[in-house]
Amino acid sequence: MRDHVKGGALTETTFFVLLALYRPNHGYGIMQFIEQETKGRLSLGPGTLYGAINALLGKGWIAPFGEEQDSRKKLYLITEEGRRVAEKELKRLIELCGIARKIIKGSGDGE
């Protein structure tokens, strides 16, 4: 996964997986959340999703949640470190949109 916490952006997939895990969720629930919130624009296959989950577990940004009752439905939850990363990304995106808005509206082509 090519996320650069220090100087750059998270991938869109990573950001949405983190957002989906502000509440305990399992793989299929994460996929549904992302499709719903992006109105189908972003749709993850199982390989992409579970690759992202494994990478995020390795970085300590998410963690398993609760007791495993059904091994097919492992629950995950964002960690405090994951929250800090997501909040930093939100701040970066807000700043990016502000700069873009200023440039586009200032160019005379915007409304």
PDB file of N, CA and C in Angstrom:
ATOM      1  N   MET A   1       0.845  -1.167   0.000  1.00  0.00           N
ATOM      2  CA  MET A   1       0.000   0.000   0.000  1.00  0.00           C
ATOM      3  C   MET A   1       0.894   1.235   0.000  1.00  0.00           C
ATOM      4  N   ARG A   2       0.571   2.207  -0.776  1.00  0.00           N
ATOM      5  CA  ARG A   2       1.445   3.357  -0.964  1.00  0.00           C
ATOM      6  C   ARG A   2       0.985   4.599  -0.203  1.00  0.00           C
ATOM      7  N   ASP A   3       0.658   4.439   1.049  1.00  0.00           N
ATOM      8  CA  ASP A   3       0.252   5.578   1.869  1.00  0.00           C
ATOM      9  C   ASP A   3       1.488   6.216   2.489  1.00  0.00           C
ATOM     10  N   HIS A   4       1.546   7.525   2.438  1.00  0.00           N
ATOM     11  CA  HIS A   4       2.694   8.257   2.956  1.00  0.00           C
ATOM     12  C   HIS A   4       2.219   9.200   4.049  1.00  0.00           C
ATOM     13  N   VAL A   5       2.307   8.747   5.275  1.00  0.00           N
ATOM     14  CA  VAL A   5       1.788   9.510   6.393  1.00  0.00           C
ATOM     15  C   VAL A   5       2.550  10.812   6.618  1.00  0.00           C
ATOM     16  N   LYS A   6       3.861  10.793   6.502  1.00  0.00           N
ATOM     17  CA  LYS A   6       4.641  11.971   6.848  1.00  0.00           C
ATOM     18  C   LYS A   6       4.398  13.138   5.910  1.00  0.00           C
ATOM     19  N   GLY A   7       4.491  12.901   4.608  1.00  0.00           N
ATOM     20  CA  GLY A   7       4.451  14.036   3.716  1.00  0.00           C
ATOM     21  C   GLY A   7       3.341  14.016   2.698  1.00  0.00           C
ATOM     22  N   GLY A   8       2.475  13.028   2.720  1.00  0.00           N
ATOM     23  CA  GLY A   8       1.536  12.992   1.623  1.00  0.00           C
ATOM     24  C   GLY A   8       0.207  12.390   1.969  1.00  0.00           C
ATOM     25  N   ALA A   9      -0.421  11.963   0.917  1.00  0.00           N
ATOM     26  CA  ALA A   9      -1.807  11.529   0.975  1.00  0.00           C
ATOM     27  C   ALA A   9      -1.946  10.049   1.270  1.00  0.00           C
ATOM     28  N   LEU A  10      -3.082   9.710   1.844  1.00  0.00           N
ATOM     29  CA  LEU A  10      -3.502   8.326   1.924  1.00  0.00           C
ATOM     30  C   LEU A  10      -4.151   7.974   0.592  1.00  0.00           C
ATOM     31  N   THR A  11      -4.151   6.705   0.257  1.00  0.00           N
ATOM     32  CA  THR A  11      -4.938   6.308  -0.903  1.00  0.00           C
ATOM     33  C   THR A  11      -6.407   6.452  -0.527  1.00  0.00           C
ATOM     34  N   GLU A  12      -7.234   6.596  -1.530  1.00  0.00           N
ATOM     35  CA  GLU A  12      -8.669   6.719  -1.276  1.00  0.00           C
ATOM     36  C   GLU A  12      -9.196   5.461  -0.586  1.00  0.00           C
ATOM     37  N   THR A  13      -8.703   4.304  -1.010  1.00  0.00           N
ATOM     38  CA  THR A  13      -9.123   3.040  -0.392  1.00  0.00           C
ATOM     39  C   THR A  13      -8.795   3.035   1.094  1.00  0.00           C
ATOM     40  N   THR A  14      -7.572   3.392   1.438  1.00  0.00           N
ATOM     41  CA  THR A  14      -7.171   3.415   2.847  1.00  0.00           C
ATOM     42  C   THR A  14      -8.038   4.357   3.654  1.00  0.00           C
ATOM     43  N   PHE A  15      -8.265   5.558   3.125  1.00  0.00           N
ATOM     44  CA  PHE A  15      -9.060   6.545   3.854  1.00  0.00           C
ATOM     45  C   PHE A  15     -10.477   6.026   4.101  1.00  0.00           C
ATOM     46  N   PHE A  16     -11.087   5.442   3.088  1.00  0.00           N
ATOM     47  CA  PHE A  16     -12.449   4.934   3.260  1.00  0.00           C
ATOM     48  C   PHE A  16     -12.511   3.731   4.194  1.00  0.00           C
ATOM     49  N   VAL A  17     -11.508   2.864   4.159  1.00  0.00           N
ATOM     50  CA  VAL A  17     -11.500   1.732   5.095  1.00  0.00           C
ATOM     51  C   VAL A  17     -11.403   2.263   6.523  1.00  0.00           C
ATOM     52  N   LEU A  18     -10.543   3.243   6.751  1.00  0.00           N
ATOM     53  CA  LEU A  18     -10.450   3.839   8.092  1.00  0.00           C
ATOM     54  C   LEU A  18     -11.783   4.445   8.514  1.00  0.00           C
ATOM     55  N   LEU A  19     -12.437   5.169   7.613  1.00  0.00           N
ATOM     56  CA  LEU A  19     -13.729   5.776   7.936  1.00  0.00           C
ATOM     57  C   LEU A  19     -14.774   4.710   8.263  1.00  0.00           C
ATOM     58  N   ALA A  20     -14.743   3.616   7.510  1.00  0.00           N
ATOM     59  CA  ALA A  20     -15.706   2.534   7.731  1.00  0.00           C
ATOM     60  C   ALA A  20     -15.521   1.877   9.087  1.00  0.00           C
ATOM     61  N   LEU A  21     -14.339   2.045   9.679  1.00  0.00           N
ATOM     62  CA  LEU A  21     -14.052   1.362  10.939  1.00  0.00           C
ATOM     63  C   LEU A  21     -14.097   2.274  12.162  1.00  0.00           C
ATOM     64  N   TYR A  22     -14.753   3.409  12.033  1.00  0.00           N
ATOM     65  CA  TYR A  22     -15.023   4.226  13.226  1.00  0.00           C
ATOM     66  C   TYR A  22     -16.049   3.515  14.109  1.00  0.00           C
ATOM     67  N   ARG A  23     -16.705   2.534  13.528  1.00  0.00           N
ATOM     68  CA  ARG A  23     -17.581   1.618  14.271  1.00  0.00           C
ATOM     69  C   ARG A  23     -17.126   0.215  13.908  1.00  0.00           C
ATOM     70  N   PRO A  24     -17.242  -0.739  14.823  1.00  0.00           N
ATOM     71  CA  PRO A  24     -16.820  -2.108  14.483  1.00  0.00           C
ATOM     72  C   PRO A  24     -17.509  -2.581  13.201  1.00  0.00           C
ATOM     73  N   ASN A  25     -16.736  -3.210  12.335  1.00  0.00           N
ATOM     74  CA  ASN A  25     -17.283  -3.645  11.059  1.00  0.00           C
ATOM     75  C   ASN A  25     -16.477  -4.835  10.567  1.00  0.00           C
ATOM     76  N   HIS A  26     -17.085  -5.608   9.685  1.00  0.00           N
ATOM     77  CA  HIS A  26     -16.420  -6.755   9.072  1.00  0.00           C
ATOM     78  C   HIS A  26     -16.210  -6.452   7.592  1.00  0.00           C
ATOM     79  N   GLY A  27     -15.488  -7.328   6.905  1.00  0.00           N
ATOM     80  CA  GLY A  27     -15.110  -7.080   5.514  1.00  0.00           C
ATOM     81  C   GLY A  27     -16.258  -6.719   4.600  1.00  0.00           C
ATOM     82  N   TYR A  28     -17.306  -7.532   4.596  1.00  0.00           N
ATOM     83  CA  TYR A  28     -18.436  -7.254   3.712  1.00  0.00           C
ATOM     84  C   TYR A  28     -19.099  -5.925   4.087  1.00  0.00           C
ATOM     85  N   GLY A  29     -19.179  -5.640   5.372  1.00  0.00           N
ATOM     86  CA  GLY A  29     -19.752  -4.375   5.827  1.00  0.00           C
ATOM     87  C   GLY A  29     -18.921  -3.184   5.374  1.00  0.00           C
ATOM     88  N   ILE A  30     -17.597  -3.345   5.363  1.00  0.00           N
ATOM     89  CA  ILE A  30     -16.709  -2.281   4.890  1.00  0.00           C
ATOM     90  C   ILE A  30     -16.960  -2.034   3.401  1.00  0.00           C
ATOM     91  N   MET A  31     -17.057  -3.115   2.628  1.00  0.00           N
ATOM     92  CA  MET A  31     -17.321  -2.970   1.187  1.00  0.00           C
ATOM     93  C   MET A  31     -18.649  -2.257   0.947  1.00  0.00           C
ATOM     94  N   GLN A  32     -19.681  -2.627   1.700  1.00  0.00           N
ATOM     95  CA  GLN A  32     -20.992  -1.980   1.561  1.00  0.00           C
ATOM     96  C   GLN A  32     -20.917  -0.504   1.931  1.00  0.00           C
ATOM     97  N   PHE A  33     -20.243  -0.186   3.034  1.00  0.00           N
ATOM     98  CA  PHE A  33     -20.092   1.194   3.482  1.00  0.00           C
ATOM     99  C   PHE A  33     -19.459   2.035   2.381  1.00  0.00           C
ATOM    100  N   ILE A  34     -18.371   1.546   1.813  1.00  0.00           N
ATOM    101  CA  ILE A  34     -17.650   2.308   0.797  1.00  0.00           C
ATOM    102  C   ILE A  34     -18.502   2.507  -0.450  1.00  0.00           C
ATOM    103  N   GLU A  35     -19.171   1.465  -0.904  1.00  0.00           N
ATOM    104  CA  GLU A  35     -20.034   1.611  -2.087  1.00  0.00           C
ATOM    105  C   GLU A  35     -21.173   2.594  -1.816  1.00  0.00           C
ATOM    106  N   GLN A  36     -21.755   2.506  -0.635  1.00  0.00           N
ATOM    107  CA  GLN A  36     -22.875   3.395  -0.285  1.00  0.00           C
ATOM    108  C   GLN A  36     -22.413   4.844  -0.188  1.00  0.00           C
ATOM    109  N   GLU A  37     -21.324   5.075   0.541  1.00  0.00           N
ATOM    110  CA  GLU A  37     -20.866   6.447   0.762  1.00  0.00           C
ATOM    111  C   GLU A  37     -20.336   7.108  -0.512  1.00  0.00           C
ATOM    112  N   THR A  38     -19.822   6.315  -1.445  1.00  0.00           N
ATOM    113  CA  THR A  38     -19.316   6.885  -2.704  1.00  0.00           C
ATOM    114  C   THR A  38     -20.351   6.760  -3.824  1.00  0.00           C
ATOM    115  N   LYS A  39     -21.546   6.322  -3.472  1.00  0.00           N
ATOM    116  CA  LYS A  39     -22.632   6.130  -4.450  1.00  0.00           C
ATOM    117  C   LYS A  39     -22.172   5.245  -5.607  1.00  0.00           C
ATOM    118  N   GLY A  40     -21.393   4.211  -5.282  1.00  0.00           N
ATOM    119  CA  GLY A  40     -20.946   3.234  -6.257  1.00  0.00           C
ATOM    120  C   GLY A  40     -19.709   3.627  -7.046  1.00  0.00           C
ATOM    121  N   ARG A  41     -19.204   4.825  -6.849  1.00  0.00           N
ATOM    122  CA  ARG A  41     -18.016   5.268  -7.573  1.00  0.00           C
ATOM    123  C   ARG A  41     -16.800   4.423  -7.217  1.00  0.00           C
ATOM    124  N   LEU A  42     -16.693   4.032  -5.963  1.00  0.00           N
ATOM    125  CA  LEU A  42     -15.580   3.202  -5.501  1.00  0.00           C
ATOM    126  C   LEU A  42     -16.147   1.874  -5.022  1.00  0.00           C
ATOM    127  N   SER A  43     -15.692   0.811  -5.628  1.00  0.00           N
ATOM    128  CA  SER A  43     -16.146  -0.527  -5.278  1.00  0.00           C
ATOM    129  C   SER A  43     -14.911  -1.415  -5.129  1.00  0.00           C
ATOM    130  N   LEU A  44     -14.748  -1.994  -3.957  1.00  0.00           N
ATOM    131  CA  LEU A  44     -13.568  -2.807  -3.685  1.00  0.00           C
ATOM    132  C   LEU A  44     -13.871  -4.285  -3.856  1.00  0.00           C
ATOM    133  N   GLY A  45     -12.965  -4.973  -4.501  1.00  0.00           N
ATOM    134  CA  GLY A  45     -13.044  -6.424  -4.550  1.00  0.00           C
ATOM    135  C   GLY A  45     -12.454  -6.996  -3.280  1.00  0.00           C
ATOM    136  N   PRO A  46     -12.739  -8.263  -3.009  1.00  0.00           N
ATOM    137  CA  PRO A  46     -12.224  -8.881  -1.784  1.00  0.00           C
ATOM    138  C   PRO A  46     -10.700  -8.834  -1.673  1.00  0.00           C
ATOM    139  N   GLY A  47      -9.986  -9.045  -2.767  1.00  0.00           N
ATOM    140  CA  GLY A  47      -8.523  -9.026  -2.716  1.00  0.00           C
ATOM    141  C   GLY A  47      -7.985  -7.671  -2.314  1.00  0.00           C
ATOM    142  N   THR A  48      -8.548  -6.619  -2.899  1.00  0.00           N
ATOM    143  CA  THR A  48      -8.127  -5.259  -2.567  1.00  0.00           C
ATOM    144  C   THR A  48      -8.447  -4.943  -1.110  1.00  0.00           C
ATOM    145  N   LEU A  49      -9.663  -5.287  -0.693  1.00  0.00           N
ATOM    146  CA  LEU A  49     -10.091  -4.990   0.663  1.00  0.00           C
ATOM    147  C   LEU A  49      -9.226  -5.719   1.690  1.00  0.00           C
ATOM    148  N   TYR A  50      -9.041  -7.015   1.510  1.00  0.00           N
ATOM    149  CA  TYR A  50      -8.292  -7.761   2.521  1.00  0.00           C
ATOM    150  C   TYR A  50      -6.809  -7.431   2.482  1.00  0.00           C
ATOM    151  N   GLY A  51      -6.297  -7.017   1.324  1.00  0.00           N
ATOM    152  CA  GLY A  51      -4.928  -6.495   1.265  1.00  0.00           C
ATOM    153  C   GLY A  51      -4.804  -5.228   2.093  1.00  0.00           C
ATOM    154  N   ALA A  52      -5.799  -4.341   1.957  1.00  0.00           N
ATOM    155  CA  ALA A  52      -5.814  -3.094   2.727  1.00  0.00           C
ATOM    156  C   ALA A  52      -5.947  -3.390   4.219  1.00  0.00           C
ATOM    157  N   ILE A  53      -6.834  -4.297   4.582  1.00  0.00           N
ATOM    158  CA  ILE A  53      -7.020  -4.642   5.992  1.00  0.00           C
ATOM    159  C   ILE A  53      -5.714  -5.166   6.584  1.00  0.00           C
ATOM    160  N   ASN A  54      -5.056  -6.072   5.870  1.00  0.00           N
ATOM    161  CA  ASN A  54      -3.789  -6.622   6.388  1.00  0.00           C
ATOM    162  C   ASN A  54      -2.719  -5.542   6.536  1.00  0.00           C
ATOM    163  N   ALA A  55      -2.642  -4.629   5.567  1.00  0.00           N
ATOM    164  CA  ALA A  55      -1.666  -3.537   5.657  1.00  0.00           C
ATOM    165  C   ALA A  55      -1.984  -2.624   6.843  1.00  0.00           C
ATOM    166  N   LEU A  56      -3.255  -2.315   7.041  1.00  0.00           N
ATOM    167  CA  LEU A  56      -3.653  -1.430   8.137  1.00  0.00           C
ATOM    168  C   LEU A  56      -3.446  -2.097   9.496  1.00  0.00           C
ATOM    169  N   LEU A  57      -3.674  -3.394   9.561  1.00  0.00           N
ATOM    170  CA  LEU A  57      -3.367  -4.135  10.800  1.00  0.00           C
ATOM    171  C   LEU A  57      -1.875  -4.054  11.089  1.00  0.00           C
ATOM    172  N   GLY A  58      -1.070  -4.233  10.053  1.00  0.00           N
ATOM    173  CA  GLY A  58       0.386  -4.179  10.208  1.00  0.00           C
ATOM    174  C   GLY A  58       0.891  -2.819  10.658  1.00  0.00           C
ATOM    175  N   LYS A  59       0.217  -1.747  10.223  1.00  0.00           N
ATOM    176  CA  LYS A  59       0.613  -0.390  10.620  1.00  0.00           C
ATOM    177  C   LYS A  59       0.065  -0.010  11.988  1.00  0.00           C
ATOM    178  N   GLY A  60      -0.842  -0.823  12.510  1.00  0.00           N
ATOM    179  CA  GLY A  60      -1.447  -0.513  13.807  1.00  0.00           C
ATOM    180  C   GLY A  60      -2.548   0.525  13.718  1.00  0.00           C
ATOM    181  N   TRP A  61      -3.068   0.770  12.522  1.00  0.00           N
ATOM    182  CA  TRP A  61      -4.128   1.765  12.346  1.00  0.00           C
ATOM    183  C   TRP A  61      -5.516   1.193  12.585  1.00  0.00           C
ATOM    184  N   ILE A  62      -5.636  -0.129  12.493  1.00  0.00           N
ATOM    185  CA  ILE A  62      -6.875  -0.819  12.856  1.00  0.00           C
ATOM    186  C   ILE A  62      -6.490  -2.032  13.688  1.00  0.00           C
ATOM    187  N   ALA A  63      -7.466  -2.595  14.391  1.00  0.00           N
ATOM    188  CA  ALA A  63      -7.210  -3.768  15.222  1.00  0.00           C
ATOM    189  C   ALA A  63      -8.444  -4.655  15.205  1.00  0.00           C
ATOM    190  N   PRO A  64      -8.256  -5.954  15.463  1.00  0.00           N
ATOM    191  CA  PRO A  64      -9.421  -6.833  15.598  1.00  0.00           C
ATOM    192  C   PRO A  64     -10.282  -6.341  16.749  1.00  0.00           C
ATOM    193  N   PHE A  65     -11.577  -6.584  16.657  1.00  0.00           N
ATOM    194  CA  PHE A  65     -12.508  -6.127  17.682  1.00  0.00           C
ATOM    195  C   PHE A  65     -13.323  -7.305  18.193  1.00  0.00           C
ATOM    196  N   GLY A  66     -13.417  -7.426  19.503  1.00  0.00           N
ATOM    197  CA  GLY A  66     -14.296  -8.401  20.136  1.00  0.00           C
ATOM    198  C   GLY A  66     -13.851  -9.844  19.966  1.00  0.00           C
ATOM    199  N   GLU A  67     -14.665 -10.705  20.513  1.00  0.00           N
ATOM    200  CA  GLU A  67     -14.436 -12.144  20.438  1.00  0.00           C
ATOM    201  C   GLU A  67     -14.919 -12.655  19.092  1.00  0.00           C
ATOM    202  N   GLU A  68     -14.169 -13.561  18.499  1.00  0.00           N
ATOM    203  CA  GLU A  68     -14.575 -14.148  17.224  1.00  0.00           C
ATOM    204  C   GLU A  68     -15.638 -15.206  17.473  1.00  0.00           C
ATOM    205  N   GLN A  69     -16.878 -14.921  17.080  1.00  0.00           N
ATOM    206  CA  GLN A  69     -17.940 -15.911  17.210  1.00  0.00           C
ATOM    207  C   GLN A  69     -18.073 -16.697  15.913  1.00  0.00           C
ATOM    208  N   ASP A  70     -17.879 -16.033  14.807  1.00  0.00           N
ATOM    209  CA  ASP A  70     -17.955 -16.663  13.493  1.00  0.00           C
ATOM    210  C   ASP A  70     -16.689 -16.250  12.757  1.00  0.00           C
ATOM    211  N   SER A  71     -15.770 -17.173  12.546  1.00  0.00           N
ATOM    212  CA  SER A  71     -14.467 -16.820  11.988  1.00  0.00           C
ATOM    213  C   SER A  71     -14.571 -16.195  10.598  1.00  0.00           C
ATOM    214  N   ARG A  72     -15.706 -16.365   9.928  1.00  0.00           N
ATOM    215  CA  ARG A  72     -15.868 -15.752   8.605  1.00  0.00           C
ATOM    216  C   ARG A  72     -16.181 -14.268   8.725  1.00  0.00           C
ATOM    217  N   LYS A  73     -16.589 -13.806   9.878  1.00  0.00           N
ATOM    218  CA  LYS A  73     -16.949 -12.398  10.064  1.00  0.00           C
ATOM    219  C   LYS A  73     -16.097 -11.778  11.159  1.00  0.00           C
ATOM    220  N   LYS A  74     -14.837 -11.568  10.859  1.00  0.00           N
ATOM    221  CA  LYS A  74     -13.945 -10.915  11.812  1.00  0.00           C
ATOM    222  C   LYS A  74     -14.270  -9.430  11.830  1.00  0.00           C
ATOM    223  N   LEU A  75     -14.418  -8.896  13.027  1.00  0.00           N
ATOM    224  CA  LEU A  75     -14.693  -7.471  13.182  1.00  0.00           C
ATOM    225  C   LEU A  75     -13.394  -6.716  13.406  1.00  0.00           C
ATOM    226  N   TYR A  76     -13.360  -5.495  12.892  1.00  0.00           N
ATOM    227  CA  TYR A  76     -12.214  -4.618  13.044  1.00  0.00           C
ATOM    228  C   TYR A  76     -12.693  -3.259  13.528  1.00  0.00           C
ATOM    229  N   LEU A  77     -11.772  -2.503  14.146  1.00  0.00           N
ATOM    230  CA  LEU A  77     -12.073  -1.159  14.638  1.00  0.00           C
ATOM    231  C   LEU A  77     -10.826  -0.300  14.478  1.00  0.00           C
ATOM    232  N   ILE A  78     -11.015   0.961  14.147  1.00  0.00           N
ATOM    233  CA  ILE A  78      -9.902   1.892  14.017  1.00  0.00           C
ATOM    234  C   ILE A  78      -9.249   2.102  15.389  1.00  0.00           C
ATOM    235  N   THR A  79      -7.936   2.249  15.403  1.00  0.00           N
ATOM    236  CA  THR A  79      -7.204   2.508  16.647  1.00  0.00           C
ATOM    237  C   THR A  79      -7.029   4.024  16.817  1.00  0.00           C
ATOM    238  N   GLU A  80      -6.484   4.418  17.961  1.00  0.00           N
ATOM    239  CA  GLU A  80      -6.216   5.847  18.177  1.00  0.00           C
ATOM    240  C   GLU A  80      -5.229   6.373  17.135  1.00  0.00           C
ATOM    241  N   GLU A  81      -4.211   5.577  16.810  1.00  0.00           N
ATOM    242  CA  GLU A  81      -3.260   5.986  15.776  1.00  0.00           C
ATOM    243  C   GLU A  81      -3.966   6.127  14.430  1.00  0.00           C
ATOM    244  N   GLY A  82      -4.858   5.203  14.123  1.00  0.00           N
ATOM    245  CA  GLY A  82      -5.634   5.282  12.887  1.00  0.00           C
ATOM    246  C   GLY A  82      -6.502   6.526  12.844  1.00  0.00           C
ATOM    247  N   ARG A  83      -7.075   6.893  13.986  1.00  0.00           N
ATOM    248  CA  ARG A  83      -7.881   8.123  14.055  1.00  0.00           C
ATOM    249  C   ARG A  83      -7.017   9.357  13.783  1.00  0.00           C
ATOM    250  N   ARG A  84      -5.831   9.369  14.348  1.00  0.00           N
ATOM    251  CA  ARG A  84      -4.928  10.511  14.106  1.00  0.00           C
ATOM    252  C   ARG A  84      -4.584  10.612  12.617  1.00  0.00           C
ATOM    253  N   VAL A  85      -4.320   9.478  11.994  1.00  0.00           N
ATOM    254  CA  VAL A  85      -3.996   9.458  10.566  1.00  0.00           C
ATOM    255  C   VAL A  85      -5.189   9.947   9.740  1.00  0.00           C
ATOM    256  N   ALA A  86      -6.398   9.462  10.064  1.00  0.00           N
ATOM    257  CA  ALA A  86      -7.600   9.870   9.328  1.00  0.00           C
ATOM    258  C   ALA A  86      -7.878  11.357   9.508  1.00  0.00           C
ATOM    259  N   GLU A  87      -7.691  11.866  10.725  1.00  0.00           N
ATOM    260  CA  GLU A  87      -7.918  13.298  10.977  1.00  0.00           C
ATOM    261  C   GLU A  87      -6.905  14.160  10.234  1.00  0.00           C
ATOM    262  N   LYS A  88      -5.666  13.690  10.166  1.00  0.00           N
ATOM    263  CA  LYS A  88      -4.635  14.411   9.421  1.00  0.00           C
ATOM    264  C   LYS A  88      -4.989  14.441   7.933  1.00  0.00           C
ATOM    265  N   GLU A  89      -5.490  13.333   7.414  1.00  0.00           N
ATOM    266  CA  GLU A  89      -5.893  13.277   6.004  1.00  0.00           C
ATOM    267  C   GLU A  89      -7.077  14.203   5.742  1.00  0.00           C
ATOM    268  N   LEU A  90      -8.037  14.243   6.644  1.00  0.00           N
ATOM    269  CA  LEU A  90      -9.177  15.148   6.489  1.00  0.00           C
ATOM    270  C   LEU A  90      -8.695  16.590   6.422  1.00  0.00           C
ATOM    271  N   LYS A  91      -7.796  16.951   7.315  1.00  0.00           N
ATOM    272  CA  LYS A  91      -7.246  18.316   7.321  1.00  0.00           C
ATOM    273  C   LYS A  91      -6.542  18.621   5.996  1.00  0.00           C
ATOM    274  N   ARG A  92      -5.766  17.652   5.485  1.00  0.00           N
ATOM    275  CA  ARG A  92      -5.060  17.832   4.218  1.00  0.00           C
ATOM    276  C   ARG A  92      -6.050  18.028   3.067  1.00  0.00           C
ATOM    277  N   LEU A  93      -7.110  17.236   3.055  1.00  0.00           N
ATOM    278  CA  LEU A  93      -8.110  17.345   1.985  1.00  0.00           C
ATOM    279  C   LEU A  93      -8.861  18.676   2.036  1.00  0.00           C
ATOM    280  N   ILE A  94      -9.182  19.136   3.228  1.00  0.00           N
ATOM    281  CA  ILE A  94      -9.848  20.433   3.377  1.00  0.00           C
ATOM    282  C   ILE A  94      -8.951  21.545   2.852  1.00  0.00           C
ATOM    283  N   GLU A  95      -7.661  21.474   3.201  1.00  0.00           N
ATOM    284  CA  GLU A  95      -6.706  22.470   2.724  1.00  0.00           C
ATOM    285  C   GLU A  95      -6.590  22.417   1.197  1.00  0.00           C
ATOM    286  N   LEU A  96      -6.497  21.222   0.655  1.00  0.00           N
ATOM    287  CA  LEU A  96      -6.413  21.042  -0.794  1.00  0.00           C
ATOM    288  C   LEU A  96      -7.631  21.637  -1.498  1.00  0.00           C
ATOM    289  N   CYS A  97      -8.819  21.355  -0.971  1.00  0.00           N
ATOM    290  CA  CYS A  97     -10.045  21.897  -1.575  1.00  0.00           C
ATOM    291  C   CYS A  97     -10.082  23.416  -1.484  1.00  0.00           C
ATOM    292  N   GLY A  98      -9.613  23.972  -0.383  1.00  0.00           N
ATOM    293  CA  GLY A  98      -9.581  25.429  -0.235  1.00  0.00           C
ATOM    294  C   GLY A  98      -8.679  26.076  -1.261  1.00  0.00           C
ATOM    295  N   ILE A  99      -7.505  25.496  -1.471  1.00  0.00           N
ATOM    296  CA  ILE A  99      -6.578  26.029  -2.474  1.00  0.00           C
ATOM    297  C   ILE A  99      -7.191  25.916  -3.862  1.00  0.00           C
ATOM    298  N   ALA A 100      -7.744  24.762  -4.172  1.00  0.00           N
ATOM    299  CA  ALA A 100      -8.346  24.551  -5.494  1.00  0.00           C
ATOM    300  C   ALA A 100      -9.511  25.514  -5.722  1.00  0.00           C
ATOM    301  N   ARG A 101     -10.352  25.685  -4.697  1.00  0.00           N
ATOM    302  CA  ARG A 101     -11.498  26.595  -4.820  1.00  0.00           C
ATOM    303  C   ARG A 101     -11.023  28.015  -5.114  1.00  0.00           C
ATOM    304  N   LYS A 102     -10.006  28.456  -4.392  1.00  0.00           N
ATOM    305  CA  LYS A 102      -9.459  29.802  -4.577  1.00  0.00           C
ATOM    306  C   LYS A 102      -8.917  29.987  -5.997  1.00  0.00           C
ATOM    307  N   ILE A 103      -8.194  29.005  -6.478  1.00  0.00           N
ATOM    308  CA  ILE A 103      -7.612  29.093  -7.818  1.00  0.00           C
ATOM    309  C   ILE A 103      -8.686  29.035  -8.899  1.00  0.00           C
ATOM    310  N   ILE A 104      -9.595  28.091  -8.773  1.00  0.00           N
ATOM    311  CA  ILE A 104     -10.627  27.926  -9.792  1.00  0.00           C
ATOM    312  C   ILE A 104     -11.556  29.123  -9.830  1.00  0.00           C
ATOM    313  N   LYS A 105     -11.986  29.607  -8.691  1.00  0.00           N
ATOM    314  CA  LYS A 105     -12.887  30.775  -8.663  1.00  0.00           C
ATOM    315  C   LYS A 105     -12.138  32.039  -9.083  1.00  0.00           C
ATOM    316  N   GLY A 106     -10.860  32.097  -8.791  1.00  0.00           N
ATOM    317  CA  GLY A 106     -10.056  33.269  -9.144  1.00  0.00           C
ATOM    318  C   GLY A 106      -9.632  33.310 -10.604  1.00  0.00           C
ATOM    319  N   SER A 107      -9.795  32.181 -11.303  1.00  0.00           N
ATOM    320  CA  SER A 107      -9.343  32.124 -12.684  1.00  0.00           C
ATOM    321  C   SER A 107     -10.326  32.771 -13.663  1.00  0.00           C
ATOM    322  N   GLY A 108     -11.514  33.072 -13.169  1.00  0.00           N
ATOM    323  CA  GLY A 108     -12.527  33.655 -14.045  1.00  0.00           C
ATOM    324  C   GLY A 108     -13.347  32.607 -14.751  1.00  0.00           C
ATOM    325  N   ASP A 109     -12.928  31.341 -14.671  1.00  0.00           N
ATOM    326  CA  ASP A 109     -13.672  30.270 -15.309  1.00  0.00           C
ATOM    327  C   ASP A 109     -14.721  29.689 -14.368  1.00  0.00           C
ATOM    328  N   GLY A 110     -14.517  29.892 -13.062  1.00  0.00           N
ATOM    329  CA  GLY A 110     -15.467  29.357 -12.091  1.00  0.00           C
ATOM    330  C   GLY A 110     -16.661  30.267 -11.961  1.00  0.00           C
ATOM    331  N   GLU A 111     -17.603  29.817 -11.156  1.00  0.00           N
ATOM    332  CA  GLU A 111     -18.821  30.631 -10.980  1.00  0.00           C
ATOM    333  C   GLU A 111     -18.722  31.491  -9.766  1.00  0.00           C
TER     334      GLU A 111
END
